[in-house]
Amino acid sequence: MVREEAEFIPARMKKIQHIEHAYECKNCKGNSSQKAQIKRGKAPQPPIQRSIASPSVLGKVIYDKFAQYLPLYRQVKEWERHGLNTNDKNLSNWVIRASRDWLQPVYETLKAQLLSKSVLHADETYGQIIHRSDGKSGQANAYNWVYRSVPSQGPEIVLFQSSLSRARSVLEGFIQGYSGTMICDGYSAYGKIAGITFANCWSHVRRYWLKAESKNGQIDVSYCDELYRLERQFKHLSPGKRRKQRQKHSKPVVEKFLAWVETSPFFGEKRPCQSS
């Protein structure tokens, strides 16, 4: 008979001392005509100078905050139970220093690779920051912008940019010097930037038609669903073959949809924007 059960082995906190020994040559020391030679060992350097935070502690703090959504003030109690007496100010400084000194160079390298791609996705969503640097209330919206490359152009890169604003200047500052196609929604910040072609997203087109409780809404959703069905068939093709299949099968569907929009008396002079 075999019985299995899960066993949890709690983490342990250790105090590790790094000692640098210095060695002096005794023969050189007794020779007045020769300068004494001293050799000193080199202990591993800390990730943050003059800090007790080891790489494992920093990794745990950052993981709990951003992956487990555990606020720093709540982490303090957990660290105390493990034997590390600290406070949320220390933890905050550790996160900031580790991000600036070790993660920022990685972020900048990924950003350079991201902006070298010819096609990007972009979007933004709101959030709130309790203590804002601009003096506004914590109830005011801040924004997280996200930029992503496409799978057909190598490993996917996803980068976030936090900002207190949704202004167009935030987008312009991030993509400065970029030239290519950006797939996005209909937000007014996306548009009329030199060197960039903005392509609207079909999911946003479909989303608004789903809200229309009418026959026209159902017709438009059916066009979008047909495009999605074709995309599932083309998913595993190479970019070149996928483009050919889109030109052959998807393009006629889009042309029918646009013709329906142009000729439908339902819309009159107010017609939805065309999407790429």
Protein backbone atom coordinates (compact mmCIF):
# COMPACT_ATOMS: atom_id res chain seq x y z
CA MET A 1 0.00 0.00 0.00
CA VAL A 2 1.27 3.43 -0.95
CA ARG A 3 -0.09 6.59 0.61
CA GLU A 4 0.98 10.03 -0.51
CA GLU A 5 0.72 13.30 1.37
CA ALA A 6 2.01 16.79 0.86
CA GLU A 7 4.65 18.02 3.28
CA PHE A 8 5.54 21.69 3.70
CA ILE A 9 9.12 22.54 4.75
CA PRO A 10 9.18 26.14 6.03
CA ALA A 11 11.91 28.52 4.93
CA ARG A 12 14.77 29.24 7.33
CA MET A 13 16.50 32.55 8.02
CA LYS A 14 20.30 32.46 8.38
CA LYS A 15 22.89 35.05 9.34
CA ILE A 16 25.87 34.66 7.03
CA GLN A 17 29.18 36.39 7.76
CA HIS A 18 31.53 37.14 4.88
CA ILE A 19 35.12 37.43 6.15
CA GLU A 20 38.00 38.81 4.09
CA HIS A 21 41.36 37.48 5.28
CA ALA A 22 44.57 39.44 4.67
CA TYR A 23 47.89 37.61 4.27
CA GLU A 24 51.32 39.16 4.61
CA CYS A 25 54.56 37.71 3.31
CA LYS A 26 56.83 37.10 6.36
CA ASN A 27 59.99 36.95 4.25
CA CYS A 28 59.22 40.33 2.70
CA LYS A 29 58.42 41.77 6.12
CA GLY A 30 61.87 40.93 7.50
CA ASN A 31 63.65 42.38 4.45
CA SER A 32 64.09 46.12 4.87
CA SER A 33 65.01 46.54 1.19
CA GLN A 34 61.77 44.98 -0.06
CA LYS A 35 58.27 46.31 0.37
CA ALA A 36 55.98 44.01 2.29
CA GLN A 37 53.38 42.30 0.13
CA ILE A 38 49.84 41.83 1.39
CA LYS A 39 47.22 39.70 -0.30
CA ARG A 40 43.60 40.15 0.65
CA GLY A 41 40.76 37.79 -0.13
CA LYS A 42 37.61 39.08 -1.79
CA ALA A 43 34.24 38.32 -0.29
CA PRO A 44 31.09 38.38 -2.47
CA GLN A 45 29.81 41.91 -2.91
CA PRO A 46 26.29 42.68 -1.62
CA PRO A 47 23.59 43.63 -4.14
CA ILE A 48 23.03 46.83 -2.14
CA GLN A 49 26.04 48.39 -0.47
CA ARG A 50 25.91 48.71 3.35
CA SER A 51 22.71 46.64 3.48
CA ILE A 52 21.97 43.30 5.11
CA ALA A 53 19.65 42.33 2.25
CA SER A 54 20.98 39.29 0.39
CA PRO A 55 19.90 38.38 -3.17
CA SER A 56 17.51 35.75 -1.79
CA VAL A 57 15.85 38.22 0.58
CA LEU A 58 15.48 40.82 -2.18
CA GLY A 59 14.03 38.22 -4.52
CA LYS A 60 11.49 37.15 -1.89
CA VAL A 61 10.44 40.74 -1.09
CA ILE A 62 9.98 41.65 -4.76
CA TYR A 63 8.18 38.38 -5.57
CA ASP A 64 5.75 38.76 -2.67
CA LYS A 65 5.01 42.37 -3.56
CA PHE A 66 4.51 42.10 -7.32
CA ALA A 67 3.54 38.45 -7.87
CA GLN A 68 1.66 37.75 -4.64
CA TYR A 69 0.35 41.32 -4.22
CA LEU A 70 1.47 41.35 -0.58
CA PRO A 71 1.99 44.94 0.64
CA LEU A 72 5.33 45.73 2.26
CA TYR A 73 3.79 46.63 5.62
CA ARG A 74 2.29 43.14 5.79
CA GLN A 75 5.56 41.54 4.77
CA VAL A 76 7.24 43.11 7.82
CA LYS A 77 5.31 40.80 10.18
CA GLU A 78 6.22 37.76 8.09
CA TRP A 79 9.91 38.66 8.14
CA GLU A 80 9.76 39.17 11.91
CA ARG A 81 8.37 35.66 12.32
CA HIS A 82 11.38 34.39 10.38
CA GLY A 83 13.74 36.32 12.67
CA LEU A 84 14.50 39.39 10.54
CA ASN A 85 13.55 42.63 12.29
CA THR A 86 12.89 45.33 9.70
CA ASN A 87 10.24 47.86 8.68
CA ASP A 88 8.32 48.79 5.54
CA LYS A 89 10.62 51.77 4.87
CA ASN A 90 13.62 49.45 4.63
CA LEU A 91 11.74 47.05 2.39
CA SER A 92 10.65 49.93 0.15
CA ASN A 93 14.22 51.19 -0.15
CA TRP A 94 15.41 47.67 -1.00
CA VAL A 95 12.83 47.35 -3.79
CA ILE A 96 13.74 50.76 -5.22
CA ARG A 97 17.50 50.20 -5.08
CA ALA A 98 17.32 46.68 -6.51
CA SER A 99 15.05 47.89 -9.32
CA ARG A 100 17.30 50.82 -10.16
CA ASP A 101 20.68 49.09 -9.87
CA TRP A 102 19.89 45.61 -11.21
CA LEU A 103 16.58 45.58 -13.09
CA GLN A 104 16.69 48.97 -14.86
CA PRO A 105 19.62 47.95 -17.14
CA VAL A 106 17.70 44.78 -18.10
CA TYR A 107 14.58 46.88 -18.76
CA GLU A 108 16.50 49.31 -20.98
CA THR A 109 18.05 46.45 -22.94
CA LEU A 110 14.63 44.87 -23.52
CA LYS A 111 13.19 48.26 -24.48
CA ALA A 112 15.86 48.73 -27.15
CA GLN A 113 15.01 45.31 -28.57
CA LEU A 114 11.28 46.03 -28.36
CA LEU A 115 11.57 49.29 -30.31
CA SER A 116 13.55 47.52 -33.02
CA LYS A 117 10.47 45.45 -33.94
CA SER A 118 8.26 46.49 -36.84
CA VAL A 119 4.97 45.63 -35.09
CA LEU A 120 3.93 46.40 -31.50
CA HIS A 121 0.81 46.18 -29.36
CA ALA A 122 0.06 49.01 -26.94
CA ASP A 123 -2.60 49.64 -24.31
CA GLU A 124 -3.08 51.45 -21.01
CA THR A 125 -5.22 50.89 -17.94
CA TYR A 126 -5.92 52.95 -14.86
CA GLY A 127 -4.94 52.34 -11.27
CA GLN A 128 -4.49 54.34 -8.10
CA ILE A 129 -1.44 55.47 -6.12
CA ILE A 130 -2.02 56.41 -2.49
CA HIS A 131 0.80 58.94 -2.16
CA ARG A 132 1.18 60.74 -5.47
CA SER A 133 4.21 62.91 -6.22
CA ASP A 134 2.07 65.50 -8.04
CA GLY A 135 0.01 66.34 -4.96
CA LYS A 136 -3.27 65.03 -6.35
CA SER A 137 -5.65 62.92 -4.29
CA GLY A 138 -5.03 59.20 -4.05
CA GLN A 139 -8.47 58.76 -5.64
CA ALA A 140 -7.20 60.28 -8.91
CA ASN A 141 -6.35 57.77 -11.63
CA ALA A 142 -2.79 56.86 -12.49
CA TYR A 143 -2.00 54.68 -15.49
CA ASN A 144 0.00 51.62 -16.41
CA TRP A 145 0.98 51.54 -20.08
CA VAL A 146 1.95 48.21 -21.60
CA TYR A 147 3.85 47.49 -24.82
CA ARG A 148 4.26 44.03 -26.37
CA SER A 149 6.02 42.61 -29.41
CA VAL A 150 4.42 39.95 -31.60
CA PRO A 151 5.37 36.22 -31.53
CA SER A 152 6.25 36.16 -35.23
CA GLN A 153 9.20 38.50 -34.59
CA GLY A 154 11.08 36.46 -32.03
CA PRO A 155 10.56 35.92 -28.29
CA GLU A 156 7.74 38.11 -26.98
CA ILE A 157 8.77 41.16 -24.98
CA VAL A 158 6.25 42.76 -22.62
CA LEU A 159 7.18 46.02 -20.88
CA PHE A 160 5.15 48.16 -18.49
CA GLN A 161 5.47 51.88 -17.93
CA SER A 162 3.84 53.51 -14.90
CA SER A 163 2.71 57.12 -15.16
CA LEU A 164 0.53 59.56 -13.26
CA SER A 165 -1.01 60.62 -16.56
CA ARG A 166 -2.71 59.24 -19.63
CA ALA A 167 -1.38 62.11 -21.71
CA ARG A 168 -0.08 61.61 -25.22
CA SER A 169 3.34 62.84 -24.07
CA VAL A 170 3.79 59.63 -22.03
CA LEU A 171 3.42 57.51 -25.17
CA GLU A 172 5.66 59.81 -27.19
CA GLY A 173 8.37 59.68 -24.55
CA PHE A 174 8.45 55.89 -24.50
CA ILE A 175 8.41 55.23 -28.25
CA GLN A 176 10.68 58.11 -29.22
CA GLY A 177 12.48 57.19 -32.43
CA TYR A 178 10.25 54.18 -33.12
CA SER A 179 9.14 53.45 -36.67
CA GLY A 180 6.62 50.74 -37.48
CA THR A 181 3.05 49.61 -36.89
CA MET A 182 1.34 49.89 -33.51
CA ILE A 183 -1.85 47.92 -32.83
CA CYS A 184 -4.05 49.68 -30.29
CA ASP A 185 -7.56 50.79 -29.42
CA GLY A 186 -9.29 54.00 -30.47
CA TYR A 187 -7.89 56.24 -27.71
CA SER A 188 -7.01 59.63 -29.19
CA ALA A 189 -3.37 59.49 -27.99
CA TYR A 190 -2.74 56.77 -30.56
CA GLY A 191 -2.48 58.60 -33.83
CA LYS A 192 -0.60 61.14 -35.91
CA ILE A 193 2.92 60.37 -34.72
CA ALA A 194 5.57 60.55 -37.42
CA GLY A 195 6.91 57.20 -38.55
CA ILE A 196 4.14 55.14 -36.93
CA THR A 197 1.15 53.48 -38.55
CA PHE A 198 -1.63 52.91 -36.03
CA ALA A 199 -3.78 49.84 -36.62
CA ASN A 200 -7.03 49.42 -34.70
CA CYS A 201 -7.82 46.16 -32.94
CA TRP A 202 -10.70 43.96 -34.18
CA SER A 203 -11.55 42.89 -30.63
CA HIS A 204 -12.47 46.51 -29.85
CA VAL A 205 -14.66 46.68 -32.97
CA ARG A 206 -16.42 43.48 -31.94
CA ARG A 207 -16.81 44.61 -28.32
CA TYR A 208 -18.97 47.60 -29.19
CA TRP A 209 -21.14 45.61 -31.58
CA LEU A 210 -21.81 43.09 -28.83
CA LYS A 211 -23.42 45.91 -26.87
CA ALA A 212 -25.77 46.71 -29.76
CA GLU A 213 -28.94 44.72 -29.22
CA SER A 214 -29.96 44.74 -32.86
CA LYS A 215 -29.73 42.74 -36.05
CA ASN A 216 -26.93 45.00 -37.29
CA GLY A 217 -24.92 44.25 -34.17
CA GLN A 218 -25.31 40.52 -34.74
CA ILE A 219 -24.22 40.87 -38.38
CA ASP A 220 -21.03 42.71 -37.44
CA VAL A 221 -20.17 40.21 -34.71
CA SER A 222 -20.55 37.41 -37.25
CA TYR A 223 -17.96 39.10 -39.52
CA CYS A 224 -15.51 39.38 -36.60
CA ASP A 225 -16.12 35.78 -35.56
CA GLU A 226 -15.37 34.63 -39.09
CA LEU A 227 -12.04 36.49 -38.98
CA TYR A 228 -11.24 34.90 -35.62
CA ARG A 229 -12.10 31.46 -37.00
CA LEU A 230 -9.68 31.98 -39.88
CA GLU A 231 -6.97 33.23 -37.52
CA ARG A 232 -7.20 30.04 -35.49
CA GLN A 233 -6.55 28.10 -38.71
CA PHE A 234 -3.56 30.30 -39.61
CA LYS A 235 -2.10 30.36 -36.09
CA HIS A 236 0.63 27.78 -36.67
CA LEU A 237 1.72 29.03 -40.11
CA SER A 238 4.86 31.04 -40.72
CA PRO A 239 4.40 34.83 -41.04
CA GLY A 240 4.78 34.70 -44.82
CA LYS A 241 2.25 31.89 -45.28
CA ARG A 242 -0.11 33.51 -42.79
CA ARG A 243 -0.04 36.73 -44.79
CA LYS A 244 -0.90 34.87 -48.00
CA GLN A 245 -3.81 33.09 -46.33
CA ARG A 246 -5.09 36.37 -44.90
CA GLN A 247 -4.97 37.97 -48.33
CA LYS A 248 -6.81 35.02 -49.81
CA HIS A 249 -9.44 34.34 -47.13
CA SER A 250 -9.56 37.18 -44.57
CA LYS A 251 -9.39 40.13 -46.95
CA PRO A 252 -12.69 39.22 -48.72
CA VAL A 253 -14.41 39.05 -45.31
CA VAL A 254 -13.12 42.51 -44.38
CA GLU A 255 -14.16 43.91 -47.77
CA LYS A 256 -17.67 42.50 -47.32
CA PHE A 257 -17.87 44.00 -43.86
CA LEU A 258 -16.77 47.45 -45.05
CA ALA A 259 -19.15 47.30 -48.01
CA TRP A 260 -21.98 46.41 -45.63
CA VAL A 261 -21.09 49.37 -43.41
CA GLU A 262 -20.96 51.77 -46.39
CA THR A 263 -24.28 50.68 -47.90
CA SER A 264 -26.31 50.08 -44.76
CA PRO A 265 -28.96 52.80 -44.30
CA PHE A 266 -28.79 52.10 -40.56
CA PHE A 267 -25.61 54.15 -40.18
CA GLY A 268 -26.46 57.23 -42.22
CA GLU A 269 -23.64 59.72 -41.89
CA LYS A 270 -22.27 58.23 -38.64
CA ARG A 271 -20.17 55.26 -39.63
CA PRO A 272 -17.74 53.33 -37.44
CA CYS A 273 -14.06 53.81 -38.18
CA GLN A 274 -12.33 51.25 -40.34
CA SER A 275 -9.91 48.90 -38.62
CA SER A 276 -6.75 47.27 -39.88
